[in-house]
Amino acid sequence: MKEEIKEIKRYSVALKRKIVEEVLSGELTAREASKYYGVSSVRTVNQWVFKQSGRETKIVRVMMKSELERIQELEAALADEKLARRVLAAQLESYENYVPDLKKKLSTKELKKFEENQKKIEQLR
């Protein structure tokens, strides 16, 4: 059984320059240059032209309005949640100041729950 050999064409820098100059000067279109010089793809010629012209690429994200609104809503909700967590942490901290002997009054089970809550408060900070 005979295996097919994949052929990869490599074009010289001089040939690329010549093709780009002809396309930029308007002598040939990218399609015409591709056919005339045997370049397998018009896209390849366009890439050479783009690289030689020194232009930069700017990425522009296009979204549906509903997507953008949804992102803004989620960001606002996240900010609200962060603020709520900070407020709750501050409230818990102030309660601790008013009840310094709270640990003495708690049962073992309540004390464990209190310590768990303390850990959660520390994680919020």
PDB file of N, CA and C in Angstrom:
ATOM      1  N   MET A   1       0.838  -1.176   0.000  1.00  0.00           N
ATOM      2  CA  MET A   1       0.000   0.000   0.000  1.00  0.00           C
ATOM      3  C   MET A   1       0.888   1.246   0.000  1.00  0.00           C
ATOM      4  N   LYS A   2       0.596   2.149  -0.888  1.00  0.00           N
ATOM      5  CA  LYS A   2       1.412   3.340  -1.059  1.00  0.00           C
ATOM      6  C   LYS A   2       0.852   4.490  -0.212  1.00  0.00           C
ATOM      7  N   GLU A   3       1.700   5.101   0.592  1.00  0.00           N
ATOM      8  CA  GLU A   3       1.277   6.239   1.403  1.00  0.00           C
ATOM      9  C   GLU A   3       1.446   7.521   0.606  1.00  0.00           C
ATOM     10  N   GLU A   4       0.488   8.430   0.810  1.00  0.00           N
ATOM     11  CA  GLU A   4       0.586   9.720   0.143  1.00  0.00           C
ATOM     12  C   GLU A   4       1.582  10.598   0.892  1.00  0.00           C
ATOM     13  N   ILE A   5       2.381  11.304   0.162  1.00  0.00           N
ATOM     14  CA  ILE A   5       3.356  12.209   0.756  1.00  0.00           C
ATOM     15  C   ILE A   5       2.796  13.617   0.690  1.00  0.00           C
ATOM     16  N   LYS A   6       2.726  14.259   1.849  1.00  0.00           N
ATOM     17  CA  LYS A   6       2.214  15.620   1.914  1.00  0.00           C
ATOM     18  C   LYS A   6       3.278  16.576   1.392  1.00  0.00           C
ATOM     19  N   GLU A   7       2.867  17.470   0.533  1.00  0.00           N
ATOM     20  CA  GLU A   7       3.786  18.429  -0.058  1.00  0.00           C
ATOM     21  C   GLU A   7       3.602  19.784   0.597  1.00  0.00           C
ATOM     22  N   ILE A   8       4.687  20.333   1.098  1.00  0.00           N
ATOM     23  CA  ILE A   8       4.660  21.651   1.708  1.00  0.00           C
ATOM     24  C   ILE A   8       5.529  22.577   0.875  1.00  0.00           C
ATOM     25  N   LYS A   9       4.921  23.657   0.405  1.00  0.00           N
ATOM     26  CA  LYS A   9       5.661  24.611  -0.419  1.00  0.00           C
ATOM     27  C   LYS A   9       6.247  25.708   0.466  1.00  0.00           C
ATOM     28  N   ARG A  10       7.496  26.037   0.205  1.00  0.00           N
ATOM     29  CA  ARG A  10       8.164  27.147   0.878  1.00  0.00           C
ATOM     30  C   ARG A  10       8.573  28.137  -0.206  1.00  0.00           C
ATOM     31  N   TYR A  11       8.200  29.390  -0.001  1.00  0.00           N
ATOM     32  CA  TYR A  11       8.484  30.412  -1.002  1.00  0.00           C
ATOM     33  C   TYR A  11       9.654  31.270  -0.537  1.00  0.00           C
ATOM     34  N   SER A  12      10.495  31.661  -1.467  1.00  0.00           N
ATOM     35  CA  SER A  12      11.671  32.465  -1.126  1.00  0.00           C
ATOM     36  C   SER A  12      11.238  33.869  -0.722  1.00  0.00           C
ATOM     37  N   VAL A  13      12.085  34.510   0.052  1.00  0.00           N
ATOM     38  CA  VAL A  13      11.820  35.876   0.504  1.00  0.00           C
ATOM     39  C   VAL A  13      11.732  36.818  -0.694  1.00  0.00           C
ATOM     40  N   ALA A  14      12.590  36.602  -1.691  1.00  0.00           N
ATOM     41  CA  ALA A  14      12.591  37.464  -2.883  1.00  0.00           C
ATOM     42  C   ALA A  14      11.262  37.350  -3.633  1.00  0.00           C
ATOM     43  N   LEU A  15      10.767  36.122  -3.771  1.00  0.00           N
ATOM     44  CA  LEU A  15       9.488  35.925  -4.467  1.00  0.00           C
ATOM     45  C   LEU A  15       8.354  36.583  -3.684  1.00  0.00           C
ATOM     46  N   LYS A  16       8.363  36.404  -2.376  1.00  0.00           N
ATOM     47  CA  LYS A  16       7.323  37.026  -1.549  1.00  0.00           C
ATOM     48  C   LYS A  16       7.339  38.546  -1.726  1.00  0.00           C
ATOM     49  N   ARG A  17       8.540  39.145  -1.675  1.00  0.00           N
ATOM     50  CA  ARG A  17       8.658  40.597  -1.824  1.00  0.00           C
ATOM     51  C   ARG A  17       8.112  41.059  -3.170  1.00  0.00           C
ATOM     52  N   LYS A  18       8.474  40.313  -4.226  1.00  0.00           N
ATOM     53  CA  LYS A  18       8.033  40.687  -5.578  1.00  0.00           C
ATOM     54  C   LYS A  18       6.507  40.641  -5.668  1.00  0.00           C
ATOM     55  N   ILE A  19       5.913  39.584  -5.145  1.00  0.00           N
ATOM     56  CA  ILE A  19       4.451  39.451  -5.181  1.00  0.00           C
ATOM     57  C   ILE A  19       3.798  40.582  -4.385  1.00  0.00           C
ATOM     58  N   VAL A  20       4.325  40.864  -3.211  1.00  0.00           N
ATOM     59  CA  VAL A  20       3.764  41.925  -2.367  1.00  0.00           C
ATOM     60  C   VAL A  20       3.867  43.275  -3.074  1.00  0.00           C
ATOM     61  N   GLU A  21       4.998  43.571  -3.676  1.00  0.00           N
ATOM     62  CA  GLU A  21       5.168  44.845  -4.392  1.00  0.00           C
ATOM     63  C   GLU A  21       4.161  44.974  -5.524  1.00  0.00           C
ATOM     64  N   GLU A  22       3.944  43.880  -6.258  1.00  0.00           N
ATOM     65  CA  GLU A  22       2.998  43.929  -7.374  1.00  0.00           C
ATOM     66  C   GLU A  22       1.568  44.115  -6.886  1.00  0.00           C
ATOM     67  N   VAL A  23       1.247  43.494  -5.759  1.00  0.00           N
ATOM     68  CA  VAL A  23      -0.119  43.648  -5.227  1.00  0.00           C
ATOM     69  C   VAL A  23      -0.307  45.055  -4.670  1.00  0.00           C
ATOM     70  N   LEU A  24       0.673  45.549  -3.926  1.00  0.00           N
ATOM     71  CA  LEU A  24       0.552  46.894  -3.343  1.00  0.00           C
ATOM     72  C   LEU A  24       0.548  47.981  -4.407  1.00  0.00           C
ATOM     73  N   SER A  25       1.283  47.783  -5.496  1.00  0.00           N
ATOM     74  CA  SER A  25       1.314  48.790  -6.558  1.00  0.00           C
ATOM     75  C   SER A  25       0.048  48.751  -7.417  1.00  0.00           C
ATOM     76  N   GLY A  26      -0.702  47.668  -7.310  1.00  0.00           N
ATOM     77  CA  GLY A  26      -1.941  47.559  -8.072  1.00  0.00           C
ATOM     78  C   GLY A  26      -1.776  46.854  -9.409  1.00  0.00           C
ATOM     79  N   GLU A  27      -0.584  46.356  -9.705  1.00  0.00           N
ATOM     80  CA  GLU A  27      -0.371  45.619 -10.959  1.00  0.00           C
ATOM     81  C   GLU A  27      -1.217  44.350 -10.987  1.00  0.00           C
ATOM     82  N   LEU A  28      -1.294  43.676  -9.842  1.00  0.00           N
ATOM     83  CA  LEU A  28      -2.066  42.439  -9.734  1.00  0.00           C
ATOM     84  C   LEU A  28      -2.915  42.475  -8.468  1.00  0.00           C
ATOM     85  N   THR A  29      -4.013  41.761  -8.509  1.00  0.00           N
ATOM     86  CA  THR A  29      -4.772  41.549  -7.277  1.00  0.00           C
ATOM     87  C   THR A  29      -4.159  40.337  -6.577  1.00  0.00           C
ATOM     88  N   ALA A  30      -4.551  40.108  -5.347  1.00  0.00           N
ATOM     89  CA  ALA A  30      -4.023  38.954  -4.615  1.00  0.00           C
ATOM     90  C   ALA A  30      -4.403  37.659  -5.322  1.00  0.00           C
ATOM     91  N   ARG A  31      -5.604  37.602  -5.854  1.00  0.00           N
ATOM     92  CA  ARG A  31      -6.061  36.396  -6.576  1.00  0.00           C
ATOM     93  C   ARG A  31      -5.242  36.164  -7.846  1.00  0.00           C
ATOM     94  N   GLU A  32      -5.024  37.246  -8.594  1.00  0.00           N
ATOM     95  CA  GLU A  32      -4.241  37.125  -9.830  1.00  0.00           C
ATOM     96  C   GLU A  32      -2.803  36.710  -9.523  1.00  0.00           C
ATOM     97  N   ALA A  33      -2.212  37.306  -8.485  1.00  0.00           N
ATOM     98  CA  ALA A  33      -0.841  36.963  -8.106  1.00  0.00           C
ATOM     99  C   ALA A  33      -0.752  35.505  -7.675  1.00  0.00           C
ATOM    100  N   SER A  34      -1.765  35.047  -6.955  1.00  0.00           N
ATOM    101  CA  SER A  34      -1.799  33.656  -6.501  1.00  0.00           C
ATOM    102  C   SER A  34      -1.792  32.695  -7.690  1.00  0.00           C
ATOM    103  N   LYS A  35      -2.617  32.990  -8.684  1.00  0.00           N
ATOM    104  CA  LYS A  35      -2.675  32.125  -9.878  1.00  0.00           C
ATOM    105  C   LYS A  35      -1.400  32.235 -10.710  1.00  0.00           C
ATOM    106  N   TYR A  36      -0.921  33.452 -10.920  1.00  0.00           N
ATOM    107  CA  TYR A  36       0.232  33.676 -11.781  1.00  0.00           C
ATOM    108  C   TYR A  36       1.501  33.020 -11.236  1.00  0.00           C
ATOM    109  N   TYR A  37       1.732  33.149  -9.940  1.00  0.00           N
ATOM    110  CA  TYR A  37       2.963  32.621  -9.339  1.00  0.00           C
ATOM    111  C   TYR A  37       2.793  31.218  -8.744  1.00  0.00           C
ATOM    112  N   GLY A  38       1.603  30.674  -8.821  1.00  0.00           N
ATOM    113  CA  GLY A  38       1.386  29.304  -8.337  1.00  0.00           C
ATOM    114  C   GLY A  38       1.319  29.172  -6.826  1.00  0.00           C
ATOM    115  N   VAL A  39       0.935  30.242  -6.162  1.00  0.00           N
ATOM    116  CA  VAL A  39       0.743  30.182  -4.712  1.00  0.00           C
ATOM    117  C   VAL A  39      -0.609  29.522  -4.477  1.00  0.00           C
ATOM    118  N   SER A  40      -0.624  28.521  -3.625  1.00  0.00           N
ATOM    119  CA  SER A  40      -1.815  27.694  -3.497  1.00  0.00           C
ATOM    120  C   SER A  40      -3.032  28.409  -2.911  1.00  0.00           C
ATOM    121  N   SER A  41      -2.824  29.513  -2.192  1.00  0.00           N
ATOM    122  CA  SER A  41      -3.952  30.165  -1.532  1.00  0.00           C
ATOM    123  C   SER A  41      -3.866  31.681  -1.650  1.00  0.00           C
ATOM    124  N   VAL A  42      -4.991  32.297  -1.909  1.00  0.00           N
ATOM    125  CA  VAL A  42      -5.063  33.763  -1.951  1.00  0.00           C
ATOM    126  C   VAL A  42      -4.811  34.310  -0.544  1.00  0.00           C
ATOM    127  N   ARG A  43      -5.244  33.558   0.433  1.00  0.00           N
ATOM    128  CA  ARG A  43      -5.051  33.969   1.822  1.00  0.00           C
ATOM    129  C   ARG A  43      -3.557  34.118   2.147  1.00  0.00           C
ATOM    130  N   THR A  44      -2.757  33.229   1.639  1.00  0.00           N
ATOM    131  CA  THR A  44      -1.314  33.301   1.854  1.00  0.00           C
ATOM    132  C   THR A  44      -0.765  34.608   1.307  1.00  0.00           C
ATOM    133  N   VAL A  45      -1.167  34.966   0.102  1.00  0.00           N
ATOM    134  CA  VAL A  45      -0.716  36.219  -0.509  1.00  0.00           C
ATOM    135  C   VAL A  45      -1.178  37.396   0.343  1.00  0.00           C
ATOM    136  N   ASN A  46      -2.419  37.369   0.786  1.00  0.00           N
ATOM    137  CA  ASN A  46      -2.941  38.464   1.617  1.00  0.00           C
ATOM    138  C   ASN A  46      -2.168  38.577   2.934  1.00  0.00           C
ATOM    139  N   GLN A  47      -1.761  37.459   3.505  1.00  0.00           N
ATOM    140  CA  GLN A  47      -0.967  37.488   4.743  1.00  0.00           C
ATOM    141  C   GLN A  47       0.395  38.133   4.497  1.00  0.00           C
ATOM    142  N   TRP A  48       1.020  37.799   3.375  1.00  0.00           N
ATOM    143  CA  TRP A  48       2.311  38.407   3.037  1.00  0.00           C
ATOM    144  C   TRP A  48       2.155  39.917   2.879  1.00  0.00           C
ATOM    145  N   VAL A  49       1.114  40.336   2.192  1.00  0.00           N
ATOM    146  CA  VAL A  49       0.866  41.760   1.963  1.00  0.00           C
ATOM    147  C   VAL A  49       0.647  42.461   3.302  1.00  0.00           C
ATOM    148  N   PHE A  50      -0.142  41.831   4.155  1.00  0.00           N
ATOM    149  CA  PHE A  50      -0.431  42.431   5.455  1.00  0.00           C
ATOM    150  C   PHE A  50       0.843  42.588   6.283  1.00  0.00           C
ATOM    151  N   LYS A  51       1.667  41.558   6.314  1.00  0.00           N
ATOM    152  CA  LYS A  51       2.905  41.614   7.099  1.00  0.00           C
ATOM    153  C   LYS A  51       3.873  42.657   6.542  1.00  0.00           C
ATOM    154  N   GLN A  52       3.988  42.752   5.227  1.00  0.00           N
ATOM    155  CA  GLN A  52       4.920  43.688   4.606  1.00  0.00           C
ATOM    156  C   GLN A  52       4.450  45.136   4.700  1.00  0.00           C
ATOM    157  N   SER A  53       3.144  45.342   4.802  1.00  0.00           N
ATOM    158  CA  SER A  53       2.624  46.707   4.823  1.00  0.00           C
ATOM    159  C   SER A  53       2.839  47.377   6.178  1.00  0.00           C
ATOM    160  N   GLY A  54       3.149  46.587   7.222  1.00  0.00           N
ATOM    161  CA  GLY A  54       3.452  47.149   8.535  1.00  0.00           C
ATOM    162  C   GLY A  54       2.231  47.594   9.317  1.00  0.00           C
ATOM    163  N   ARG A  55       1.070  47.170   8.923  1.00  0.00           N
ATOM    164  CA  ARG A  55      -0.150  47.525   9.651  1.00  0.00           C
ATOM    165  C   ARG A  55      -0.239  46.719  10.943  1.00  0.00           C
ATOM    166  N   GLU A  56      -0.977  47.253  11.904  1.00  0.00           N
ATOM    167  CA  GLU A  56      -1.195  46.552  13.156  1.00  0.00           C
ATOM    168  C   GLU A  56      -2.629  46.043  13.209  1.00  0.00           C
ATOM    169  N   THR A  57      -2.826  45.014  14.002  1.00  0.00           N
ATOM    170  CA  THR A  57      -4.153  44.432  14.154  1.00  0.00           C
ATOM    171  C   THR A  57      -4.771  44.918  15.459  1.00  0.00           C
ATOM    172  N   LYS A  58      -6.013  45.309  15.395  1.00  0.00           N
ATOM    173  CA  LYS A  58      -6.745  45.713  16.585  1.00  0.00           C
ATOM    174  C   LYS A  58      -7.924  44.754  16.735  1.00  0.00           C
ATOM    175  N   ILE A  59      -8.014  44.122  17.900  1.00  0.00           N
ATOM    176  CA  ILE A  59      -9.092  43.172  18.145  1.00  0.00           C
ATOM    177  C   ILE A  59     -10.273  43.928  18.732  1.00  0.00           C
ATOM    178  N   VAL A  60     -11.420  43.782  18.112  1.00  0.00           N
ATOM    179  CA  VAL A  60     -12.643  44.429  18.568  1.00  0.00           C
ATOM    180  C   VAL A  60     -13.648  43.332  18.899  1.00  0.00           C
ATOM    181  N   ARG A  61     -14.131  43.325  20.126  1.00  0.00           N
ATOM    182  CA  ARG A  61     -15.112  42.327  20.531  1.00  0.00           C
ATOM    183  C   ARG A  61     -16.508  42.859  20.231  1.00  0.00           C
ATOM    184  N   VAL A  62     -17.262  42.064  19.528  1.00  0.00           N
ATOM    185  CA  VAL A  62     -18.621  42.436  19.174  1.00  0.00           C
ATOM    186  C   VAL A  62     -19.561  41.490  19.903  1.00  0.00           C
ATOM    187  N   MET A  63     -20.456  42.065  20.693  1.00  0.00           N
ATOM    188  CA  MET A  63     -21.407  41.264  21.458  1.00  0.00           C
ATOM    189  C   MET A  63     -22.811  41.790  21.212  1.00  0.00           C
ATOM    190  N   MET A  64     -23.752  40.907  21.425  1.00  0.00           N
ATOM    191  CA  MET A  64     -25.133  41.348  21.362  1.00  0.00           C
ATOM    192  C   MET A  64     -25.388  42.230  22.578  1.00  0.00           C
ATOM    193  N   LYS A  65     -26.324  43.142  22.440  1.00  0.00           N
ATOM    194  CA  LYS A  65     -26.616  44.065  23.528  1.00  0.00           C
ATOM    195  C   LYS A  65     -27.040  43.309  24.781  1.00  0.00           C
ATOM    196  N   SER A  66     -27.792  42.257  24.609  1.00  0.00           N
ATOM    197  CA  SER A  66     -28.257  41.496  25.762  1.00  0.00           C
ATOM    198  C   SER A  66     -27.089  40.865  26.523  1.00  0.00           C
ATOM    199  N   GLU A  67     -26.048  40.413  25.800  1.00  0.00           N
ATOM    200  CA  GLU A  67     -24.875  39.837  26.461  1.00  0.00           C
ATOM    201  C   GLU A  67     -24.160  40.883  27.300  1.00  0.00           C
ATOM    202  N   LEU A  68     -23.985  42.063  26.735  1.00  0.00           N
ATOM    203  CA  LEU A  68     -23.299  43.147  27.434  1.00  0.00           C
ATOM    204  C   LEU A  68     -24.098  43.559  28.673  1.00  0.00           C
ATOM    205  N   GLU A  69     -25.420  43.679  28.525  1.00  0.00           N
ATOM    206  CA  GLU A  69     -26.253  44.032  29.664  1.00  0.00           C
ATOM    207  C   GLU A  69     -26.164  42.973  30.753  1.00  0.00           C
ATOM    208  N   ARG A  70     -26.154  41.703  30.362  1.00  0.00           N
ATOM    209  CA  ARG A  70     -26.069  40.604  31.327  1.00  0.00           C
ATOM    210  C   ARG A  70     -24.740  40.649  32.085  1.00  0.00           C
ATOM    211  N   ILE A  71     -23.672  40.920  31.384  1.00  0.00           N
ATOM    212  CA  ILE A  71     -22.353  41.025  32.032  1.00  0.00           C
ATOM    213  C   ILE A  71     -22.360  42.173  33.035  1.00  0.00           C
ATOM    214  N   GLN A  72     -22.928  43.300  32.650  1.00  0.00           N
ATOM    215  CA  GLN A  72     -22.973  44.453  33.549  1.00  0.00           C
ATOM    216  C   GLN A  72     -23.826  44.151  34.784  1.00  0.00           C
ATOM    217  N   GLU A  73     -24.955  43.444  34.587  1.00  0.00           N
ATOM    218  CA  GLU A  73     -25.803  43.058  35.711  1.00  0.00           C
ATOM    219  C   GLU A  73     -25.052  42.141  36.668  1.00  0.00           C
ATOM    220  N   LEU A  74     -24.342  41.159  36.122  1.00  0.00           N
ATOM    221  CA  LEU A  74     -23.597  40.219  36.960  1.00  0.00           C
ATOM    222  C   LEU A  74     -22.470  40.923  37.720  1.00  0.00           C
ATOM    223  N   GLU A  75     -21.787  41.853  37.071  1.00  0.00           N
ATOM    224  CA  GLU A  75     -20.733  42.599  37.740  1.00  0.00           C
ATOM    225  C   GLU A  75     -21.300  43.441  38.879  1.00  0.00           C
ATOM    226  N   ALA A  76     -22.462  44.058  38.649  1.00  0.00           N
ATOM    227  CA  ALA A  76     -23.100  44.857  39.702  1.00  0.00           C
ATOM    228  C   ALA A  76     -23.539  43.961  40.863  1.00  0.00           C
ATOM    229  N   ALA A  77     -24.099  42.783  40.545  1.00  0.00           N
ATOM    230  CA  ALA A  77     -24.523  41.850  41.590  1.00  0.00           C
ATOM    231  C   ALA A  77     -23.329  41.364  42.407  1.00  0.00           C
ATOM    232  N   LEU A  78     -22.216  41.105  41.732  1.00  0.00           N
ATOM    233  CA  LEU A  78     -21.009  40.667  42.426  1.00  0.00           C
ATOM    234  C   LEU A  78     -20.499  41.754  43.370  1.00  0.00           C
ATOM    235  N   ALA A  79     -20.518  42.989  42.906  1.00  0.00           N
ATOM    236  CA  ALA A  79     -20.088  44.099  43.755  1.00  0.00           C
ATOM    237  C   ALA A  79     -21.000  44.227  44.973  1.00  0.00           C
ATOM    238  N   ASP A  80     -22.316  44.057  44.773  1.00  0.00           N
ATOM    239  CA  ASP A  80     -23.263  44.117  45.890  1.00  0.00           C
ATOM    240  C   ASP A  80     -22.992  43.012  46.901  1.00  0.00           C
ATOM    241  N   GLU A  81     -22.717  41.811  46.428  1.00  0.00           N
ATOM    242  CA  GLU A  81     -22.436  40.681  47.319  1.00  0.00           C
ATOM    243  C   GLU A  81     -21.165  40.909  48.123  1.00  0.00           C
ATOM    244  N   LYS A  82     -20.135  41.439  47.461  1.00  0.00           N
ATOM    245  CA  LYS A  82     -18.890  41.725  48.175  1.00  0.00           C
ATOM    246  C   LYS A  82     -19.122  42.757  49.274  1.00  0.00           C
ATOM    247  N   LEU A  83     -19.919  43.776  48.958  1.00  0.00           N
ATOM    248  CA  LEU A  83     -20.224  44.800  49.945  1.00  0.00           C
ATOM    249  C   LEU A  83     -21.016  44.210  51.103  1.00  0.00           C
ATOM    250  N   ALA A  84     -21.996  43.355  50.796  1.00  0.00           N
ATOM    251  CA  ALA A  84     -22.810  42.725  51.839  1.00  0.00           C
ATOM    252  C   ALA A  84     -21.942  41.867  52.754  1.00  0.00           C
ATOM    253  N   ARG A  85     -21.000  41.136  52.190  1.00  0.00           N
ATOM    254  CA  ARG A  85     -20.108  40.307  53.008  1.00  0.00           C
ATOM    255  C   ARG A  85     -19.266  41.172  53.941  1.00  0.00           C
ATOM    256  N   ARG A  86     -18.791  42.296  53.434  1.00  0.00           N
ATOM    257  CA  ARG A  86     -17.979  43.183  54.267  1.00  0.00           C
ATOM    258  C   ARG A  86     -18.806  43.771  55.405  1.00  0.00           C
ATOM    259  N   VAL A  87     -20.059  44.126  55.100  1.00  0.00           N
ATOM    260  CA  VAL A  87     -20.939  44.679  56.129  1.00  0.00           C
ATOM    261  C   VAL A  87     -21.210  43.623  57.204  1.00  0.00           C
ATOM    262  N   LEU A  88     -21.525  42.400  56.787  1.00  0.00           N
ATOM    263  CA  LEU A  88     -21.790  41.333  57.758  1.00  0.00           C
ATOM    264  C   LEU A  88     -20.564  41.041  58.616  1.00  0.00           C
ATOM    265  N   ALA A  89     -19.400  41.039  57.995  1.00  0.00           N
ATOM    266  CA  ALA A  89     -18.174  40.804  58.760  1.00  0.00           C
ATOM    267  C   ALA A  89     -17.962  41.910  59.789  1.00  0.00           C
ATOM    268  N   ALA A  90     -18.237  43.141  59.417  1.00  0.00           N
ATOM    269  CA  ALA A  90     -18.091  44.264  60.343  1.00  0.00           C
ATOM    270  C   ALA A  90     -19.111  44.163  61.475  1.00  0.00           C
ATOM    271  N   GLN A  91     -20.336  43.744  61.165  1.00  0.00           N
ATOM    272  CA  GLN A  91     -21.358  43.576  62.198  1.00  0.00           C
ATOM    273  C   GLN A  91     -20.955  42.496  63.197  1.00  0.00           C
ATOM    274  N   LEU A  92     -20.474  41.376  62.673  1.00  0.00           N
ATOM    275  CA  LEU A  92     -20.050  40.309  63.561  1.00  0.00           C
ATOM    276  C   LEU A  92     -18.893  40.750  64.452  1.00  0.00           C
ATOM    277  N   GLU A  93     -17.997  41.509  63.897  1.00  0.00           N
ATOM    278  CA  GLU A  93     -16.860  41.997  64.666  1.00  0.00           C
ATOM    279  C   GLU A  93     -17.330  42.929  65.782  1.00  0.00           C
ATOM    280  N   SER A  94     -18.315  43.782  65.482  1.00  0.00           N
ATOM    281  CA  SER A  94     -18.821  44.701  66.506  1.00  0.00           C
ATOM    282  C   SER A  94     -19.570  43.934  67.598  1.00  0.00           C
ATOM    283  N   TYR A  95     -20.288  42.866  67.245  1.00  0.00           N
ATOM    284  CA  TYR A  95     -20.974  42.043  68.250  1.00  0.00           C
ATOM    285  C   TYR A  95     -19.966  41.395  69.193  1.00  0.00           C
ATOM    286  N   GLU A  96     -18.834  40.998  68.656  1.00  0.00           N
ATOM    287  CA  GLU A  96     -17.807  40.383  69.498  1.00  0.00           C
ATOM    288  C   GLU A  96     -17.321  41.373  70.554  1.00  0.00           C
ATOM    289  N   ASN A  97     -17.250  42.637  70.204  1.00  0.00           N
ATOM    290  CA  ASN A  97     -16.800  43.650  71.159  1.00  0.00           C
ATOM    291  C   ASN A  97     -17.809  43.863  72.278  1.00  0.00           C
ATOM    292  N   TYR A  98     -19.093  43.724  71.987  1.00  0.00           N
ATOM    293  CA  TYR A  98     -20.133  43.920  73.001  1.00  0.00           C
ATOM    294  C   TYR A  98     -20.271  42.715  73.929  1.00  0.00           C
ATOM    295  N   VAL A  99     -19.900  41.550  73.473  1.00  0.00           N
ATOM    296  CA  VAL A  99     -20.071  40.347  74.280  1.00  0.00           C
ATOM    297  C   VAL A  99     -18.717  39.646  74.429  1.00  0.00           C
ATOM    298  N   PRO A 100     -17.818  40.180  75.234  1.00  0.00           N
ATOM    299  CA  PRO A 100     -16.497  39.570  75.351  1.00  0.00           C
ATOM    300  C   PRO A 100     -16.509  38.222  76.063  1.00  0.00           C
ATOM    301  N   ASP A 101     -17.459  38.014  76.945  1.00  0.00           N
ATOM    302  CA  ASP A 101     -17.520  36.766  77.701  1.00  0.00           C
ATOM    303  C   ASP A 101     -18.471  35.762  77.073  1.00  0.00           C
ATOM    304  N   LEU A 102     -18.763  35.916  75.805  1.00  0.00           N
ATOM    305  CA  LEU A 102     -19.723  35.044  75.128  1.00  0.00           C
ATOM    306  C   LEU A 102     -19.276  33.588  75.161  1.00  0.00           C
ATOM    307  N   LYS A 103     -18.007  33.353  75.013  1.00  0.00           N
ATOM    308  CA  LYS A 103     -17.495  31.985  74.985  1.00  0.00           C
ATOM    309  C   LYS A 103     -17.775  31.267  76.296  1.00  0.00           C
ATOM    310  N   LYS A 104     -17.725  31.983  77.399  1.00  0.00           N
ATOM    311  CA  LYS A 104     -17.962  31.369  78.705  1.00  0.00           C
ATOM    312  C   LYS A 104     -19.410  30.918  78.849  1.00  0.00           C
ATOM    313  N   LYS A 105     -20.332  31.611  78.188  1.00  0.00           N
ATOM    314  CA  LYS A 105     -21.755  31.323  78.326  1.00  0.00           C
ATOM    315  C   LYS A 105     -22.245  30.246  77.362  1.00  0.00           C
ATOM    316  N   LEU A 106     -21.423  29.846  76.389  1.00  0.00           N
ATOM    317  CA  LEU A 106     -21.852  28.890  75.378  1.00  0.00           C
ATOM    318  C   LEU A 106     -21.610  27.460  75.823  1.00  0.00           C
ATOM    319  N   SER A 107     -22.488  26.567  75.337  1.00  0.00           N
ATOM    320  CA  SER A 107     -22.272  25.142  75.554  1.00  0.00           C
ATOM    321  C   SER A 107     -21.194  24.666  74.583  1.00  0.00           C
ATOM    322  N   THR A 108     -20.753  23.435  74.736  1.00  0.00           N
ATOM    323  CA  THR A 108     -19.695  22.899  73.868  1.00  0.00           C
ATOM    324  C   THR A 108     -20.119  22.936  72.410  1.00  0.00           C
ATOM    325  N   LYS A 109     -21.344  22.528  72.137  1.00  0.00           N
ATOM    326  CA  LYS A 109     -21.850  22.509  70.762  1.00  0.00           C
ATOM    327  C   LYS A 109     -21.920  23.930  70.191  1.00  0.00           C
ATOM    328  N   GLU A 110     -22.439  24.849  70.997  1.00  0.00           N
ATOM    329  CA  GLU A 110     -22.540  26.242  70.557  1.00  0.00           C
ATOM    330  C   GLU A 110     -21.159  26.861  70.378  1.00  0.00           C
ATOM    331  N   LEU A 111     -20.222  26.458  71.247  1.00  0.00           N
ATOM    332  CA  LEU A 111     -18.867  26.973  71.165  1.00  0.00           C
ATOM    333  C   LEU A 111     -18.201  26.548  69.856  1.00  0.00           C
ATOM    334  N   LYS A 112     -18.400  25.288  69.449  1.00  0.00           N
ATOM    335  CA  LYS A 112     -17.851  24.808  68.172  1.00  0.00           C
ATOM    336  C   LYS A 112     -18.425  25.613  67.011  1.00  0.00           C
ATOM    337  N   LYS A 113     -19.728  25.845  67.055  1.00  0.00           N
ATOM    338  CA  LYS A 113     -20.378  26.621  65.995  1.00  0.00           C
ATOM    339  C   LYS A 113     -19.819  28.048  65.968  1.00  0.00           C
ATOM    340  N   PHE A 114     -19.614  28.625  67.153  1.00  0.00           N
ATOM    341  CA  PHE A 114     -19.058  29.972  67.245  1.00  0.00           C
ATOM    342  C   PHE A 114     -17.665  30.023  66.622  1.00  0.00           C
ATOM    343  N   GLU A 115     -16.830  29.033  66.911  1.00  0.00           N
ATOM    344  CA  GLU A 115     -15.474  28.998  66.375  1.00  0.00           C
ATOM    345  C   GLU A 115     -15.482  28.808  64.852  1.00  0.00           C
ATOM    346  N   GLU A 116     -16.422  28.011  64.358  1.00  0.00           N
ATOM    347  CA  GLU A 116     -16.561  27.851  62.900  1.00  0.00           C
ATOM    348  C   GLU A 116     -16.902  29.188  62.255  1.00  0.00           C
ATOM    349  N   ASN A 117     -17.804  29.909  62.887  1.00  0.00           N
ATOM    350  CA  ASN A 117     -18.189  31.222  62.365  1.00  0.00           C
ATOM    351  C   ASN A 117     -17.011  32.193  62.406  1.00  0.00           C
ATOM    352  N   GLN A 118     -16.183  32.089  63.429  1.00  0.00           N
ATOM    353  CA  GLN A 118     -15.000  32.937  63.523  1.00  0.00           C
ATOM    354  C   GLN A 118     -14.066  32.678  62.336  1.00  0.00           C
ATOM    355  N   LYS A 119     -13.893  31.393  61.997  1.00  0.00           N
ATOM    356  CA  LYS A 119     -13.052  31.052  60.854  1.00  0.00           C
ATOM    357  C   LYS A 119     -13.616  31.642  59.569  1.00  0.00           C
ATOM    358  N   LYS A 120     -14.943  31.558  59.414  1.00  0.00           N
ATOM    359  CA  LYS A 120     -15.588  32.132  58.220  1.00  0.00           C
ATOM    360  C   LYS A 120     -15.357  33.637  58.150  1.00  0.00           C
ATOM    361  N   ILE A 121     -15.435  34.288  59.296  1.00  0.00           N
ATOM    362  CA  ILE A 121     -15.221  35.737  59.336  1.00  0.00           C
ATOM    363  C   ILE A 121     -13.795  36.066  58.900  1.00  0.00           C
ATOM    364  N   GLU A 122     -12.843  35.292  59.364  1.00  0.00           N
ATOM    365  CA  GLU A 122     -11.451  35.516  58.988  1.00  0.00           C
ATOM    366  C   GLU A 122     -11.242  35.331  57.480  1.00  0.00           C
ATOM    367  N   GLN A 123     -11.968  34.380  56.910  1.00  0.00           N
ATOM    368  CA  GLN A 123     -11.852  34.133  55.465  1.00  0.00           C
ATOM    369  C   GLN A 123     -12.446  35.296  54.668  1.00  0.00           C
ATOM    370  N   LEU A 124     -13.459  35.948  55.221  1.00  0.00           N
ATOM    371  CA  LEU A 124     -14.085  37.072  54.534  1.00  0.00           C
ATOM    372  C   LEU A 124     -13.164  38.283  54.463  1.00  0.00           C
ATOM    373  N   ARG A 125     -12.280  38.403  55.406  1.00  0.00           N
ATOM    374  CA  ARG A 125     -11.408  39.586  55.466  1.00  0.00           C
ATOM    375  C   ARG A 125     -10.347  39.512  54.471  1.00  0.00           C
TER     376      ARG A 125
END
